[in-house]
Amino acid sequence: QVQLVESGGGSVQAGDSLRLSCAASGLTFSYYAMNWFRQAPGKPREFVAGVSRSGGSTLYADSAKGRFTIFRDNAKNTVYLQMNSLKPDDTAVYSCAARYSTSVVGDTTTSLYNFWGQGTQVTVSS
């Protein structure tokens, strides 16, 4: 059974940092490109960042560029999202998703991804 389990969310102040983790099990992790998405209440899901199988290629939403870093450790079957200089607009549920592909895409279409995690809440107060 495949599982993607996010952790590391919490409530922080604007300007603080958080590191999210997504631990995968039940799949050959290194075969999957990994993405982070977020969804705030009343808003559609939004792509945040993606990383290729090897970690050599990354893709970021404009809102994440310069503040967030996605990276992975294939030996630990884990993908991370380091979030710095957090803003209240970053408040959302953050989820990871796995896509059996050699490429990284920023598409939010659910069916493009093989597996999804349940999400972890990030709340940033001003």
PDB file of N, CA and C in Angstrom:
ATOM      1  N   GLN A   1       0.843  -1.196   0.000  1.00  0.00           N
ATOM      2  CA  GLN A   1       0.000   0.000   0.000  1.00  0.00           C
ATOM      3  C   GLN A   1       0.882   1.250   0.000  1.00  0.00           C
ATOM      4  N   VAL A   2       0.624   2.120  -0.925  1.00  0.00           N
ATOM      5  CA  VAL A   2       1.407   3.340  -1.033  1.00  0.00           C
ATOM      6  C   VAL A   2       0.883   4.380  -0.052  1.00  0.00           C
ATOM      7  N   GLN A   3       1.815   5.025   0.620  1.00  0.00           N
ATOM      8  CA  GLN A   3       1.448   6.111   1.521  1.00  0.00           C
ATOM      9  C   GLN A   3       2.393   7.278   1.327  1.00  0.00           C
ATOM     10  N   LEU A   4       1.815   8.461   1.313  1.00  0.00           N
ATOM     11  CA  LEU A   4       2.579   9.705   1.372  1.00  0.00           C
ATOM     12  C   LEU A   4       2.096  10.434   2.620  1.00  0.00           C
ATOM     13  N   VAL A   5       3.015  10.662   3.536  1.00  0.00           N
ATOM     14  CA  VAL A   5       2.641  11.251   4.815  1.00  0.00           C
ATOM     15  C   VAL A   5       3.411  12.547   5.024  1.00  0.00           C
ATOM     16  N   GLU A   6       2.658  13.633   5.066  1.00  0.00           N
ATOM     17  CA  GLU A   6       3.270  14.947   5.280  1.00  0.00           C
ATOM     18  C   GLU A   6       3.389  15.250   6.761  1.00  0.00           C
ATOM     19  N   SER A   7       4.395  16.032   7.085  1.00  0.00           N
ATOM     20  CA  SER A   7       4.579  16.489   8.458  1.00  0.00           C
ATOM     21  C   SER A   7       5.347  17.806   8.428  1.00  0.00           C
ATOM     22  N   GLY A   8       5.381  18.464   9.581  1.00  0.00           N
ATOM     23  CA  GLY A   8       6.162  19.684   9.702  1.00  0.00           C
ATOM     24  C   GLY A   8       5.358  20.965   9.668  1.00  0.00           C
ATOM     25  N   GLY A   9       4.054  20.853   9.432  1.00  0.00           N
ATOM     26  CA  GLY A   9       3.230  22.043   9.434  1.00  0.00           C
ATOM     27  C   GLY A   9       3.070  22.600  10.847  1.00  0.00           C
ATOM     28  N   GLY A  10       2.459  23.768  10.917  1.00  0.00           N
ATOM     29  CA  GLY A  10       2.234  24.372  12.213  1.00  0.00           C
ATOM     30  C   GLY A  10       1.801  25.811  12.081  1.00  0.00           C
ATOM     31  N   SER A  11       1.746  26.477  13.221  1.00  0.00           N
ATOM     32  CA  SER A  11       1.363  27.886  13.273  1.00  0.00           C
ATOM     33  C   SER A  11       2.598  28.716  13.583  1.00  0.00           C
ATOM     34  N   VAL A  12       2.883  29.670  12.714  1.00  0.00           N
ATOM     35  CA  VAL A  12       4.072  30.495  12.864  1.00  0.00           C
ATOM     36  C   VAL A  12       3.721  31.948  12.612  1.00  0.00           C
ATOM     37  N   GLN A  13       4.689  32.805  12.880  1.00  0.00           N
ATOM     38  CA  GLN A  13       4.542  34.236  12.614  1.00  0.00           C
ATOM     39  C   GLN A  13       5.114  34.560  11.244  1.00  0.00           C
ATOM     40  N   ALA A  14       4.632  35.641  10.683  1.00  0.00           N
ATOM     41  CA  ALA A  14       5.183  36.111   9.411  1.00  0.00           C
ATOM     42  C   ALA A  14       6.690  36.316   9.552  1.00  0.00           C
ATOM     43  N   GLY A  15       7.413  35.867   8.536  1.00  0.00           N
ATOM     44  CA  GLY A  15       8.865  35.954   8.558  1.00  0.00           C
ATOM     45  C   GLY A  15       9.564  34.711   9.064  1.00  0.00           C
ATOM     46  N   ASP A  16       8.810  33.826   9.690  1.00  0.00           N
ATOM     47  CA  ASP A  16       9.382  32.585  10.207  1.00  0.00           C
ATOM     48  C   ASP A  16       9.610  31.575   9.088  1.00  0.00           C
ATOM     49  N   SER A  17      10.207  30.468   9.469  1.00  0.00           N
ATOM     50  CA  SER A  17      10.483  29.378   8.524  1.00  0.00           C
ATOM     51  C   SER A  17       9.856  28.080   9.005  1.00  0.00           C
ATOM     52  N   LEU A  18       9.566  27.222   8.059  1.00  0.00           N
ATOM     53  CA  LEU A  18       9.110  25.862   8.343  1.00  0.00           C
ATOM     54  C   LEU A  18       9.711  24.931   7.307  1.00  0.00           C
ATOM     55  N   ARG A  19       9.927  23.697   7.714  1.00  0.00           N
ATOM     56  CA  ARG A  19      10.342  22.678   6.761  1.00  0.00           C
ATOM     57  C   ARG A  19       9.302  21.570   6.785  1.00  0.00           C
ATOM     58  N   LEU A  20       8.669  21.371   5.657  1.00  0.00           N
ATOM     59  CA  LEU A  20       7.711  20.287   5.509  1.00  0.00           C
ATOM     60  C   LEU A  20       8.409  19.043   4.978  1.00  0.00           C
ATOM     61  N   SER A  21       7.922  17.910   5.408  1.00  0.00           N
ATOM     62  CA  SER A  21       8.437  16.624   4.927  1.00  0.00           C
ATOM     63  C   SER A  21       7.295  15.802   4.376  1.00  0.00           C
ATOM     64  N   CYS A  22       7.602  15.013   3.393  1.00  0.00           N
ATOM     65  CA  CYS A  22       6.640  14.061   2.825  1.00  0.00           C
ATOM     66  C   CYS A  22       7.363  12.722   2.724  1.00  0.00           C
ATOM     67  N   ALA A  23       6.990  11.821   3.592  1.00  0.00           N
ATOM     68  CA  ALA A  23       7.623  10.504   3.634  1.00  0.00           C
ATOM     69  C   ALA A  23       6.804   9.511   2.829  1.00  0.00           C
ATOM     70  N   ALA A  24       7.446   8.843   1.902  1.00  0.00           N
ATOM     71  CA  ALA A  24       6.763   7.905   1.022  1.00  0.00           C
ATOM     72  C   ALA A  24       7.097   6.473   1.402  1.00  0.00           C
ATOM     73  N   SER A  25       6.116   5.609   1.228  1.00  0.00           N
ATOM     74  CA  SER A  25       6.331   4.180   1.446  1.00  0.00           C
ATOM     75  C   SER A  25       5.474   3.399   0.470  1.00  0.00           C
ATOM     76  N   GLY A  26       5.911   2.180   0.186  1.00  0.00           N
ATOM     77  CA  GLY A  26       5.141   1.322  -0.695  1.00  0.00           C
ATOM     78  C   GLY A  26       5.346   1.575  -2.176  1.00  0.00           C
ATOM     79  N   LEU A  27       6.319   2.379  -2.526  1.00  0.00           N
ATOM     80  CA  LEU A  27       6.619   2.646  -3.936  1.00  0.00           C
ATOM     81  C   LEU A  27       8.123   2.828  -4.101  1.00  0.00           C
ATOM     82  N   THR A  28       8.563   2.688  -5.339  1.00  0.00           N
ATOM     83  CA  THR A  28       9.980   2.947  -5.629  1.00  0.00           C
ATOM     84  C   THR A  28      10.128   4.447  -5.801  1.00  0.00           C
ATOM     85  N   PHE A  29      10.483   5.089  -4.721  1.00  0.00           N
ATOM     86  CA  PHE A  29      10.426   6.546  -4.635  1.00  0.00           C
ATOM     87  C   PHE A  29      11.206   7.229  -5.752  1.00  0.00           C
ATOM     88  N   SER A  30      12.340   6.669  -6.086  1.00  0.00           N
ATOM     89  CA  SER A  30      13.213   7.323  -7.068  1.00  0.00           C
ATOM     90  C   SER A  30      12.657   7.283  -8.487  1.00  0.00           C
ATOM     91  N   TYR A  31      11.553   6.593  -8.692  1.00  0.00           N
ATOM     92  CA  TYR A  31      10.906   6.553 -10.006  1.00  0.00           C
ATOM     93  C   TYR A  31       9.900   7.696 -10.190  1.00  0.00           C
ATOM     94  N   TYR A  32       9.672   8.458  -9.124  1.00  0.00           N
ATOM     95  CA  TYR A  32       8.595   9.429  -9.137  1.00  0.00           C
ATOM     96  C   TYR A  32       9.108  10.861  -8.986  1.00  0.00           C
ATOM     97  N   ALA A  33       8.627  11.727  -9.883  1.00  0.00           N
ATOM     98  CA  ALA A  33       8.769  13.145  -9.637  1.00  0.00           C
ATOM     99  C   ALA A  33       7.817  13.508  -8.504  1.00  0.00           C
ATOM    100  N   MET A  34       8.218  14.466  -7.694  1.00  0.00           N
ATOM    101  CA  MET A  34       7.428  14.821  -6.522  1.00  0.00           C
ATOM    102  C   MET A  34       7.084  16.301  -6.543  1.00  0.00           C
ATOM    103  N   ASN A  35       5.854  16.591  -6.197  1.00  0.00           N
ATOM    104  CA  ASN A  35       5.375  17.979  -6.156  1.00  0.00           C
ATOM    105  C   ASN A  35       4.798  18.310  -4.789  1.00  0.00           C
ATOM    106  N   TRP A  36       4.833  19.582  -4.489  1.00  0.00           N
ATOM    107  CA  TRP A  36       4.087  20.137  -3.368  1.00  0.00           C
ATOM    108  C   TRP A  36       2.999  21.057  -3.931  1.00  0.00           C
ATOM    109  N   PHE A  37       1.816  20.931  -3.339  1.00  0.00           N
ATOM    110  CA  PHE A  37       0.683  21.780  -3.664  1.00  0.00           C
ATOM    111  C   PHE A  37       0.154  22.373  -2.366  1.00  0.00           C
ATOM    112  N   ARG A  38      -0.673  23.400  -2.496  1.00  0.00           N
ATOM    113  CA  ARG A  38      -1.349  23.941  -1.330  1.00  0.00           C
ATOM    114  C   ARG A  38      -2.755  24.384  -1.715  1.00  0.00           C
ATOM    115  N   GLN A  39      -3.596  24.394  -0.692  1.00  0.00           N
ATOM    116  CA  GLN A  39      -4.968  24.835  -0.907  1.00  0.00           C
ATOM    117  C   GLN A  39      -5.444  25.590   0.314  1.00  0.00           C
ATOM    118  N   ALA A  40      -5.800  26.829   0.091  1.00  0.00           N
ATOM    119  CA  ALA A  40      -6.354  27.660   1.154  1.00  0.00           C
ATOM    120  C   ALA A  40      -7.873  27.554   1.111  1.00  0.00           C
ATOM    121  N   PRO A  41      -8.535  27.817   2.226  1.00  0.00           N
ATOM    122  CA  PRO A  41     -10.002  27.728   2.258  1.00  0.00           C
ATOM    123  C   PRO A  41     -10.642  28.606   1.195  1.00  0.00           C
ATOM    124  N   GLY A  42     -11.543  28.001   0.424  1.00  0.00           N
ATOM    125  CA  GLY A  42     -12.274  28.752  -0.584  1.00  0.00           C
ATOM    126  C   GLY A  42     -11.496  29.039  -1.853  1.00  0.00           C
ATOM    127  N   LYS A  43     -10.293  28.503  -1.938  1.00  0.00           N
ATOM    128  CA  LYS A  43      -9.460  28.725  -3.125  1.00  0.00           C
ATOM    129  C   LYS A  43      -9.118  27.402  -3.783  1.00  0.00           C
ATOM    130  N   PRO A  44      -8.819  27.430  -5.078  1.00  0.00           N
ATOM    131  CA  PRO A  44      -8.434  26.188  -5.761  1.00  0.00           C
ATOM    132  C   PRO A  44      -7.035  25.747  -5.345  1.00  0.00           C
ATOM    133  N   ARG A  45      -6.754  24.502  -5.596  1.00  0.00           N
ATOM    134  CA  ARG A  45      -5.428  23.977  -5.337  1.00  0.00           C
ATOM    135  C   ARG A  45      -4.401  24.736  -6.169  1.00  0.00           C
ATOM    136  N   GLU A  46      -3.248  24.946  -5.581  1.00  0.00           N
ATOM    137  CA  GLU A  46      -2.198  25.731  -6.227  1.00  0.00           C
ATOM    138  C   GLU A  46      -0.885  24.943  -6.203  1.00  0.00           C
ATOM    139  N   PHE A  47      -0.225  24.894  -7.334  1.00  0.00           N
ATOM    140  CA  PHE A  47       1.103  24.291  -7.402  1.00  0.00           C
ATOM    141  C   PHE A  47       2.090  25.167  -6.649  1.00  0.00           C
ATOM    142  N   VAL A  48       2.982  24.530  -5.905  1.00  0.00           N
ATOM    143  CA  VAL A  48       4.004  25.263  -5.156  1.00  0.00           C
ATOM    144  C   VAL A  48       5.401  24.987  -5.720  1.00  0.00           C
ATOM    145  N   ALA A  49       5.745  23.706  -5.783  1.00  0.00           N
ATOM    146  CA  ALA A  49       7.096  23.357  -6.237  1.00  0.00           C
ATOM    147  C   ALA A  49       7.120  21.889  -6.645  1.00  0.00           C
ATOM    148  N   GLY A  50       8.067  21.559  -7.513  1.00  0.00           N
ATOM    149  CA  GLY A  50       8.228  20.181  -7.943  1.00  0.00           C
ATOM    150  C   GLY A  50       9.705  19.853  -8.117  1.00  0.00           C
ATOM    151  N   VAL A  51      10.017  18.572  -7.993  1.00  0.00           N
ATOM    152  CA  VAL A  51      11.403  18.122  -8.137  1.00  0.00           C
ATOM    153  C   VAL A  51      11.411  16.833  -8.934  1.00  0.00           C
ATOM    154  N   SER A  52      12.414  16.688  -9.766  1.00  0.00           N
ATOM    155  CA  SER A  52      12.520  15.507 -10.611  1.00  0.00           C
ATOM    156  C   SER A  52      12.960  14.293  -9.795  1.00  0.00           C
ATOM    157  N   ARG A  53      12.977  13.154 -10.454  1.00  0.00           N
ATOM    158  CA  ARG A  53      13.322  11.898  -9.797  1.00  0.00           C
ATOM    159  C   ARG A  53      14.666  11.966  -9.082  1.00  0.00           C
ATOM    160  N   SER A  54      15.627  12.526  -9.761  1.00  0.00           N
ATOM    161  CA  SER A  54      16.980  12.556  -9.206  1.00  0.00           C
ATOM    162  C   SER A  54      17.213  13.730  -8.277  1.00  0.00           C
ATOM    163  N   GLY A  55      16.319  14.703  -8.364  1.00  0.00           N
ATOM    164  CA  GLY A  55      16.510  15.939  -7.608  1.00  0.00           C
ATOM    165  C   GLY A  55      17.257  16.991  -8.387  1.00  0.00           C
ATOM    166  N   GLY A  56      17.649  16.652  -9.608  1.00  0.00           N
ATOM    167  CA  GLY A  56      18.454  17.571 -10.389  1.00  0.00           C
ATOM    168  C   GLY A  56      17.680  18.710 -11.017  1.00  0.00           C
ATOM    169  N   SER A  57      16.384  18.544 -11.164  1.00  0.00           N
ATOM    170  CA  SER A  57      15.553  19.605 -11.751  1.00  0.00           C
ATOM    171  C   SER A  57      14.450  19.984 -10.789  1.00  0.00           C
ATOM    172  N   THR A  58      14.211  21.276 -10.698  1.00  0.00           N
ATOM    173  CA  THR A  58      13.151  21.771  -9.841  1.00  0.00           C
ATOM    174  C   THR A  58      12.311  22.799 -10.593  1.00  0.00           C
ATOM    175  N   LEU A  59      11.115  22.986 -10.106  1.00  0.00           N
ATOM    176  CA  LEU A  59      10.182  23.942 -10.692  1.00  0.00           C
ATOM    177  C   LEU A  59       9.440  24.608  -9.550  1.00  0.00           C
ATOM    178  N   TYR A  60       9.260  25.935  -9.658  1.00  0.00           N
ATOM    179  CA  TYR A  60       8.601  26.668  -8.590  1.00  0.00           C
ATOM    180  C   TYR A  60       7.502  27.569  -9.140  1.00  0.00           C
ATOM    181  N   ALA A  61       6.463  27.716  -8.351  1.00  0.00           N
ATOM    182  CA  ALA A  61       5.476  28.746  -8.638  1.00  0.00           C
ATOM    183  C   ALA A  61       6.127  30.103  -8.356  1.00  0.00           C
ATOM    184  N   ASP A  62       5.628  31.126  -9.019  1.00  0.00           N
ATOM    185  CA  ASP A  62       6.184  32.466  -8.800  1.00  0.00           C
ATOM    186  C   ASP A  62       6.113  32.864  -7.332  1.00  0.00           C
ATOM    187  N   SER A  63       5.058  32.436  -6.657  1.00  0.00           N
ATOM    188  CA  SER A  63       4.871  32.794  -5.259  1.00  0.00           C
ATOM    189  C   SER A  63       5.909  32.148  -4.340  1.00  0.00           C
ATOM    190  N   ALA A  64       6.549  31.091  -4.842  1.00  0.00           N
ATOM    191  CA  ALA A  64       7.515  30.353  -4.031  1.00  0.00           C
ATOM    192  C   ALA A  64       8.971  30.694  -4.358  1.00  0.00           C
ATOM    193  N   LYS A  65       9.187  31.237  -5.504  1.00  0.00           N
ATOM    194  CA  LYS A  65      10.559  31.508  -5.940  1.00  0.00           C
ATOM    195  C   LYS A  65      11.275  32.453  -4.985  1.00  0.00           C
ATOM    196  N   GLY A  66      12.477  32.056  -4.622  1.00  0.00           N
ATOM    197  CA  GLY A  66      13.285  32.897  -3.747  1.00  0.00           C
ATOM    198  C   GLY A  66      13.020  32.697  -2.269  1.00  0.00           C
ATOM    199  N   ARG A  67      11.915  32.041  -1.921  1.00  0.00           N
ATOM    200  CA  ARG A  67      11.580  31.812  -0.504  1.00  0.00           C
ATOM    201  C   ARG A  67      11.527  30.336  -0.154  1.00  0.00           C
ATOM    202  N   PHE A  68      11.069  29.519  -1.100  1.00  0.00           N
ATOM    203  CA  PHE A  68      10.900  28.088  -0.834  1.00  0.00           C
ATOM    204  C   PHE A  68      11.936  27.292  -1.607  1.00  0.00           C
ATOM    205  N   THR A  69      12.329  26.162  -1.023  1.00  0.00           N
ATOM    206  CA  THR A  69      13.245  25.249  -1.690  1.00  0.00           C
ATOM    207  C   THR A  69      12.721  23.837  -1.550  1.00  0.00           C
ATOM    208  N   ILE A  70      12.601  23.154  -2.675  1.00  0.00           N
ATOM    209  CA  ILE A  70      12.198  21.750  -2.654  1.00  0.00           C
ATOM    210  C   ILE A  70      13.442  20.901  -2.888  1.00  0.00           C
ATOM    211  N   PHE A  71      13.550  19.830  -2.131  1.00  0.00           N
ATOM    212  CA  PHE A  71      14.650  18.901  -2.331  1.00  0.00           C
ATOM    213  C   PHE A  71      14.212  17.536  -1.826  1.00  0.00           C
ATOM    214  N   ARG A  72      14.964  16.525  -2.218  1.00  0.00           N
ATOM    215  CA  ARG A  72      14.564  15.170  -1.858  1.00  0.00           C
ATOM    216  C   ARG A  72      15.776  14.366  -1.430  1.00  0.00           C
ATOM    217  N   ASP A  73      15.495  13.351  -0.668  1.00  0.00           N
ATOM    218  CA  ASP A  73      16.501  12.387  -0.240  1.00  0.00           C
ATOM    219  C   ASP A  73      15.961  11.014  -0.616  1.00  0.00           C
ATOM    220  N   ASN A  74      16.432  10.482  -1.722  1.00  0.00           N
ATOM    221  CA  ASN A  74      15.901   9.204  -2.197  1.00  0.00           C
ATOM    222  C   ASN A  74      16.280   8.046  -1.278  1.00  0.00           C
ATOM    223  N   ALA A  75      17.337   8.198  -0.540  1.00  0.00           N
ATOM    224  CA  ALA A  75      17.715   7.149   0.410  1.00  0.00           C
ATOM    225  C   ALA A  75      16.731   7.081   1.570  1.00  0.00           C
ATOM    226  N   LYS A  76      16.071   8.195   1.853  1.00  0.00           N
ATOM    227  CA  LYS A  76      15.091   8.255   2.939  1.00  0.00           C
ATOM    228  C   LYS A  76      13.660   8.269   2.426  1.00  0.00           C
ATOM    229  N   ASN A  77      13.491   8.177   1.105  1.00  0.00           N
ATOM    230  CA  ASN A  77      12.149   8.205   0.511  1.00  0.00           C
ATOM    231  C   ASN A  77      11.349   9.423   0.972  1.00  0.00           C
ATOM    232  N   THR A  78      12.008  10.535   1.004  1.00  0.00           N
ATOM    233  CA  THR A  78      11.380  11.739   1.541  1.00  0.00           C
ATOM    234  C   THR A  78      11.659  12.943   0.650  1.00  0.00           C
ATOM    235  N   VAL A  79      10.644  13.757   0.485  1.00  0.00           N
ATOM    236  CA  VAL A  79      10.790  15.038  -0.195  1.00  0.00           C
ATOM    237  C   VAL A  79      10.472  16.136   0.819  1.00  0.00           C
ATOM    238  N   TYR A  80      11.189  17.224   0.707  1.00  0.00           N
ATOM    239  CA  TYR A  80      11.073  18.305   1.665  1.00  0.00           C
ATOM    240  C   TYR A  80      10.682  19.609   0.969  1.00  0.00           C
ATOM    241  N   LEU A  81      10.101  20.488   1.745  1.00  0.00           N
ATOM    242  CA  LEU A  81       9.846  21.845   1.286  1.00  0.00           C
ATOM    243  C   LEU A  81      10.301  22.789   2.395  1.00  0.00           C
ATOM    244  N   GLN A  82      11.409  23.442   2.148  1.00  0.00           N
ATOM    245  CA  GLN A  82      11.907  24.438   3.081  1.00  0.00           C
ATOM    246  C   GLN A  82      11.255  25.770   2.745  1.00  0.00           C
ATOM    247  N   MET A  83      10.542  26.325   3.706  1.00  0.00           N
ATOM    248  CA  MET A  83       9.808  27.564   3.475  1.00  0.00           C
ATOM    249  C   MET A  83      10.358  28.639   4.395  1.00  0.00           C
ATOM    250  N   ASN A  84      10.895  29.682   3.788  1.00  0.00           N
ATOM    251  CA  ASN A  84      11.442  30.801   4.536  1.00  0.00           C
ATOM    252  C   ASN A  84      10.619  32.058   4.286  1.00  0.00           C
ATOM    253  N   SER A  85      10.793  33.021   5.138  1.00  0.00           N
ATOM    254  CA  SER A  85      10.101  34.320   4.986  1.00  0.00           C
ATOM    255  C   SER A  85       8.615  34.123   4.745  1.00  0.00           C
ATOM    256  N   LEU A  86       8.004  33.335   5.578  1.00  0.00           N
ATOM    257  CA  LEU A  86       6.588  33.008   5.393  1.00  0.00           C
ATOM    258  C   LEU A  86       5.707  34.231   5.550  1.00  0.00           C
ATOM    259  N   LYS A  87       4.633  34.231   4.767  1.00  0.00           N
ATOM    260  CA  LYS A  87       3.677  35.322   4.757  1.00  0.00           C
ATOM    261  C   LYS A  87       2.294  34.785   5.111  1.00  0.00           C
ATOM    262  N   PRO A  88       1.404  35.640   5.571  1.00  0.00           N
ATOM    263  CA  PRO A  88       0.031  35.171   5.846  1.00  0.00           C
ATOM    264  C   PRO A  88      -0.615  34.525   4.619  1.00  0.00           C
ATOM    265  N   ASP A  89      -0.273  34.988   3.427  1.00  0.00           N
ATOM    266  CA  ASP A  89      -0.830  34.393   2.201  1.00  0.00           C
ATOM    267  C   ASP A  89      -0.370  32.964   1.972  1.00  0.00           C
ATOM    268  N   ASP A  90       0.626  32.528   2.710  1.00  0.00           N
ATOM    269  CA  ASP A  90       1.091  31.139   2.581  1.00  0.00           C
ATOM    270  C   ASP A  90       0.235  30.175   3.401  1.00  0.00           C
ATOM    271  N   THR A  91      -0.685  30.708   4.158  1.00  0.00           N
ATOM    272  CA  THR A  91      -1.567  29.858   4.968  1.00  0.00           C
ATOM    273  C   THR A  91      -2.393  28.952   4.078  1.00  0.00           C
ATOM    274  N   ALA A  92      -2.290  27.650   4.308  1.00  0.00           N
ATOM    275  CA  ALA A  92      -2.984  26.659   3.482  1.00  0.00           C
ATOM    276  C   ALA A  92      -2.686  25.267   4.024  1.00  0.00           C
ATOM    277  N   VAL A  93      -3.388  24.311   3.460  1.00  0.00           N
ATOM    278  CA  VAL A  93      -3.023  22.904   3.655  1.00  0.00           C
ATOM    279  C   VAL A  93      -2.057  22.528   2.542  1.00  0.00           C
ATOM    280  N   TYR A  94      -0.904  22.029   2.920  1.00  0.00           N
ATOM    281  CA  TYR A  94       0.134  21.665   1.965  1.00  0.00           C
ATOM    282  C   TYR A  94       0.136  20.149   1.780  1.00  0.00           C
ATOM    283  N   SER A  95       0.108  19.733   0.526  1.00  0.00           N
ATOM    284  CA  SER A  95       0.082  18.305   0.212  1.00  0.00           C
ATOM    285  C   SER A  95       1.181  17.964  -0.780  1.00  0.00           C
ATOM    286  N   CYS A  96       1.666  16.744  -0.679  1.00  0.00           N
ATOM    287  CA  CYS A  96       2.631  16.280  -1.662  1.00  0.00           C
ATOM    288  C   CYS A  96       1.949  15.285  -2.598  1.00  0.00           C
ATOM    289  N   ALA A  97       2.522  15.150  -3.773  1.00  0.00           N
ATOM    290  CA  ALA A  97       1.975  14.237  -4.773  1.00  0.00           C
ATOM    291  C   ALA A  97       3.112  13.620  -5.562  1.00  0.00           C
ATOM    292  N   ALA A  98       2.927  12.380  -5.967  1.00  0.00           N
ATOM    293  CA  ALA A  98       3.934  11.638  -6.716  1.00  0.00           C
ATOM    294  C   ALA A  98       3.452  11.381  -8.129  1.00  0.00           C
ATOM    295  N   ARG A  99       4.338  11.593  -9.068  1.00  0.00           N
ATOM    296  CA  ARG A  99       4.009  11.375 -10.482  1.00  0.00           C
ATOM    297  C   ARG A  99       5.074  10.494 -11.101  1.00  0.00           C
ATOM    298  N   TYR A 100       4.633   9.385 -11.672  1.00  0.00           N
ATOM    299  CA  TYR A 100       5.554   8.428 -12.297  1.00  0.00           C
ATOM    300  C   TYR A 100       6.005   9.027 -13.617  1.00  0.00           C
ATOM    301  N   SER A 101       7.092   9.769 -13.571  1.00  0.00           N
ATOM    302  CA  SER A 101       7.525  10.503 -14.751  1.00  0.00           C
ATOM    303  C   SER A 101       8.973  10.947 -14.603  1.00  0.00           C
ATOM    304  N   THR A 102       9.588  11.167 -15.752  1.00  0.00           N
ATOM    305  CA  THR A 102      10.947  11.695 -15.738  1.00  0.00           C
ATOM    306  C   THR A 102      10.963  13.224 -15.663  1.00  0.00           C
ATOM    307  N   SER A 103       9.795  13.832 -15.842  1.00  0.00           N
ATOM    308  CA  SER A 103       9.761  15.286 -15.907  1.00  0.00           C
ATOM    309  C   SER A 103       8.968  15.874 -14.745  1.00  0.00           C
ATOM    310  N   VAL A 104       9.219  17.154 -14.497  1.00  0.00           N
ATOM    311  CA  VAL A 104       8.508  17.885 -13.453  1.00  0.00           C
ATOM    312  C   VAL A 104       7.525  18.835 -14.131  1.00  0.00           C
ATOM    313  N   VAL A 105       6.302  18.824 -13.663  1.00  0.00           N
ATOM    314  CA  VAL A 105       5.305  19.730 -14.214  1.00  0.00           C
ATOM    315  C   VAL A 105       4.625  20.456 -13.066  1.00  0.00           C
ATOM    316  N   GLY A 106       4.033  21.595 -13.411  1.00  0.00           N
ATOM    317  CA  GLY A 106       3.332  22.363 -12.399  1.00  0.00           C
ATOM    318  C   GLY A 106       1.819  22.255 -12.520  1.00  0.00           C
ATOM    319  N   ASP A 107       1.349  21.323 -13.305  1.00  0.00           N
ATOM    320  CA  ASP A 107      -0.083  21.135 -13.510  1.00  0.00           C
ATOM    321  C   ASP A 107      -0.745  20.655 -12.229  1.00  0.00           C
ATOM    322  N   THR A 108      -1.926  21.200 -11.944  1.00  0.00           N
ATOM    323  CA  THR A 108      -2.638  20.817 -10.721  1.00  0.00           C
ATOM    324  C   THR A 108      -3.680  19.720 -10.958  1.00  0.00           C
ATOM    325  N   THR A 109      -3.776  19.244 -12.198  1.00  0.00           N
ATOM    326  CA  THR A 109      -4.777  18.218 -12.503  1.00  0.00           C
ATOM    327  C   THR A 109      -4.537  16.967 -11.683  1.00  0.00           C
ATOM    328  N   THR A 110      -5.515  16.607 -10.885  1.00  0.00           N
ATOM    329  CA  THR A 110      -5.362  15.494  -9.946  1.00  0.00           C
ATOM    330  C   THR A 110      -4.949  14.200 -10.638  1.00  0.00           C
ATOM    331  N   SER A 111      -5.547  13.926 -11.776  1.00  0.00           N
ATOM    332  CA  SER A 111      -5.320  12.640 -12.441  1.00  0.00           C
ATOM    333  C   SER A 111      -3.908  12.480 -12.999  1.00  0.00           C
ATOM    334  N   LEU A 112      -3.153  13.556 -13.049  1.00  0.00           N
ATOM    335  CA  LEU A 112      -1.772  13.456 -13.540  1.00  0.00           C
ATOM    336  C   LEU A 112      -0.845  12.807 -12.513  1.00  0.00           C
ATOM    337  N   TYR A 113      -1.296  12.737 -11.298  1.00  0.00           N
ATOM    338  CA  TYR A 113      -0.443  12.260 -10.220  1.00  0.00           C
ATOM    339  C   TYR A 113      -0.943  10.912  -9.725  1.00  0.00           C
ATOM    340  N   ASN A 114      -0.012  10.050  -9.467  1.00  0.00           N
ATOM    341  CA  ASN A 114      -0.355   8.680  -9.084  1.00  0.00           C
ATOM    342  C   ASN A 114      -0.800   8.590  -7.624  1.00  0.00           C
ATOM    343  N   PHE A 115      -0.175   9.386  -6.780  1.00  0.00           N
ATOM    344  CA  PHE A 115      -0.479   9.297  -5.353  1.00  0.00           C
ATOM    345  C   PHE A 115      -0.458  10.686  -4.727  1.00  0.00           C
ATOM    346  N   TRP A 116      -1.302  10.841  -3.702  1.00  0.00           N
ATOM    347  CA  TRP A 116      -1.398  12.102  -2.970  1.00  0.00           C
ATOM    348  C   TRP A 116      -1.328  11.827  -1.477  1.00  0.00           C
ATOM    349  N   GLY A 117      -0.765  12.786  -0.772  1.00  0.00           N
ATOM    350  CA  GLY A 117      -0.810  12.734   0.679  1.00  0.00           C
ATOM    351  C   GLY A 117      -2.043  13.436   1.200  1.00  0.00           C
ATOM    352  N   GLN A 118      -2.235  13.358   2.504  1.00  0.00           N
ATOM    353  CA  GLN A 118      -3.422  13.943   3.134  1.00  0.00           C
ATOM    354  C   GLN A 118      -3.259  15.419   3.442  1.00  0.00           C
ATOM    355  N   GLY A 119      -2.032  15.862   3.552  1.00  0.00           N
ATOM    356  CA  GLY A 119      -1.809  17.279   3.784  1.00  0.00           C
ATOM    357  C   GLY A 119      -1.416  17.621   5.207  1.00  0.00           C
ATOM    358  N   THR A 120      -0.774  18.760   5.339  1.00  0.00           N
ATOM    359  CA  THR A 120      -0.412  19.297   6.653  1.00  0.00           C
ATOM    360  C   THR A 120      -0.720  20.794   6.649  1.00  0.00           C
ATOM    361  N   GLN A 121      -1.285  21.244   7.744  1.00  0.00           N
ATOM    362  CA  GLN A 121      -1.739  22.639   7.815  1.00  0.00           C
ATOM    363  C   GLN A 121      -0.576  23.568   8.153  1.00  0.00           C
ATOM    364  N   VAL A 122      -0.506  24.640   7.395  1.00  0.00           N
ATOM    365  CA  VAL A 122       0.446  25.712   7.688  1.00  0.00           C
ATOM    366  C   VAL A 122      -0.359  26.987   7.887  1.00  0.00           C
ATOM    367  N   THR A 123      -0.176  27.605   9.030  1.00  0.00           N
ATOM    368  CA  THR A 123      -0.875  28.850   9.335  1.00  0.00           C
ATOM    369  C   THR A 123       0.154  29.910   9.682  1.00  0.00           C
ATOM    370  N   VAL A 124       0.096  31.015   8.960  1.00  0.00           N
ATOM    371  CA  VAL A 124       1.042  32.106   9.171  1.00  0.00           C
ATOM    372  C   VAL A 124       0.258  33.341   9.602  1.00  0.00           C
ATOM    373  N   SER A 125       0.575  33.835  10.757  1.00  0.00           N
ATOM    374  CA  SER A 125      -0.124  35.008  11.276  1.00  0.00           C
ATOM    375  C   SER A 125       0.777  36.239  11.160  1.00  0.00           C
ATOM    376  N   SER A 126       0.126  37.371  11.035  1.00  0.00           N
ATOM    377  CA  SER A 126       0.881  38.629  10.852  1.00  0.00           C
ATOM    378  C   SER A 126       1.250  39.260  12.182  1.00  0.00           C
TER     379      SER A 126
END
